[in-house]
C-alpha cells in the first residue's frame, strides 16, 4: 500500500494500492475497501486512481460518487 498524501489534512483515507482494474483504499478505521471495474465501474475506478495519486479528493469522491459499490472489504 502507498501512503495517501492527504493534502487537505482532513481525509479519512490513509493508504491505497492500485492494480490494472482496481484500487484498494484503506481508511483510518483500519478497513480496506476494494473497488473494481466490475463492481464500481471503470470510469469511477480510474478517477479514484487519479485522486489517489494526487493525494487530494479521494474520500470526497468516494462519498459523493461511489458509495457502497465496493467489491469487498477486509481489515488491513
Protein backbone atom coordinates (compact mmCIF):
# COMPACT_ATOMS: atom_id res chain seq x y z
CA UNK A 1 0.00 0.00 0.00
CA UNK A 2 1.15 3.52 -0.75
CA UNK A 3 0.61 6.17 1.88
CA UNK A 4 -2.06 8.69 0.86
CA UNK A 5 -0.60 12.20 0.86
CA UNK A 6 -3.76 13.74 2.34
CA UNK A 7 -3.04 17.26 1.12
CA UNK A 8 -6.07 18.68 2.94
CA UNK A 9 -5.09 17.07 6.23
CA UNK A 10 -8.70 16.02 6.82
CA UNK A 11 -9.13 12.84 4.76
CA UNK A 12 -10.31 9.53 6.16
CA UNK A 13 -8.05 7.75 3.64
CA UNK A 14 -4.62 6.65 4.86
CA UNK A 15 -3.31 4.40 2.06
CA UNK A 16 -4.12 2.91 -1.32
CA UNK A 17 -2.95 0.23 -3.74
CA UNK A 18 -3.55 0.38 -7.47
CA UNK A 19 -3.97 -2.58 -9.81
CA UNK A 20 -4.87 -2.69 -13.51
CA UNK A 21 -8.62 -2.83 -12.90
CA UNK A 22 -8.95 -1.99 -9.22
CA UNK A 23 -7.99 0.25 -6.35
CA UNK A 24 -7.81 -0.74 -2.69
CA UNK A 25 -8.41 2.12 -0.28
CA UNK A 26 -7.50 1.93 3.41
CA UNK A 27 -9.42 4.19 5.77
CA UNK A 28 -8.47 5.41 9.24
CA UNK A 29 -10.65 2.77 10.89
CA UNK A 30 -8.35 0.05 9.51
CA UNK A 31 -10.71 -1.29 6.85
CA UNK A 32 -9.59 -1.66 3.24
CA UNK A 33 -12.20 -1.43 0.52
CA UNK A 34 -11.60 -2.91 -2.93
CA UNK A 35 -13.21 -1.05 -5.81
CA UNK A 36 -13.05 -2.77 -9.21
CA UNK A 37 -14.09 -2.00 -12.74
CA UNK A 38 -16.73 -4.74 -12.41
CA UNK A 39 -18.21 -3.60 -9.08
CA UNK A 40 -17.81 0.16 -9.29
CA UNK A 41 -17.31 0.99 -12.96
CA UNK A 42 -14.18 1.61 -14.96
CA UNK A 43 -14.59 5.39 -15.16
CA UNK A 44 -15.08 5.70 -11.41
CA UNK A 45 -12.11 3.47 -10.56
CA UNK A 46 -9.83 5.34 -12.96
CA UNK A 47 -10.94 8.66 -11.44
CA UNK A 48 -10.22 7.27 -7.97
CA UNK A 49 -6.71 6.32 -9.10
CA UNK A 50 -6.11 9.90 -10.22
CA UNK A 51 -7.33 11.31 -6.89
CA UNK A 52 -5.17 8.80 -5.01
CA UNK A 53 -2.04 9.75 -6.93
CA UNK A 54 -2.78 13.45 -6.46
CA UNK A 55 -3.22 12.96 -2.71
CA UNK A 56 -6.38 15.05 -2.62
CA UNK A 57 -10.11 14.50 -3.07
CA UNK A 58 -10.29 10.70 -2.89
CA UNK A 59 -12.51 10.40 0.18
CA UNK A 60 -14.86 13.10 -1.09
CA UNK A 61 -15.10 11.41 -4.48
CA UNK A 62 -15.91 8.07 -2.86
CA UNK A 63 -18.57 9.64 -0.64
CA UNK A 64 -20.24 11.59 -3.44
CA UNK A 65 -19.93 9.21 -6.38
CA UNK A 66 -19.12 5.66 -5.36
CA UNK A 67 -20.75 4.93 -2.03
CA UNK A 68 -21.04 1.24 -1.21
CA UNK A 69 -20.27 -0.10 -4.68
CA UNK A 70 -17.11 -1.82 -3.50
CA UNK A 71 -16.35 -5.44 -4.36
CA UNK A 72 -15.09 -6.46 -0.93
CA UNK A 73 -13.69 -5.13 2.32
CA UNK A 74 -11.12 -6.55 4.68
CA UNK A 75 -9.03 -5.49 7.65
CA UNK A 76 -5.62 -4.01 6.93
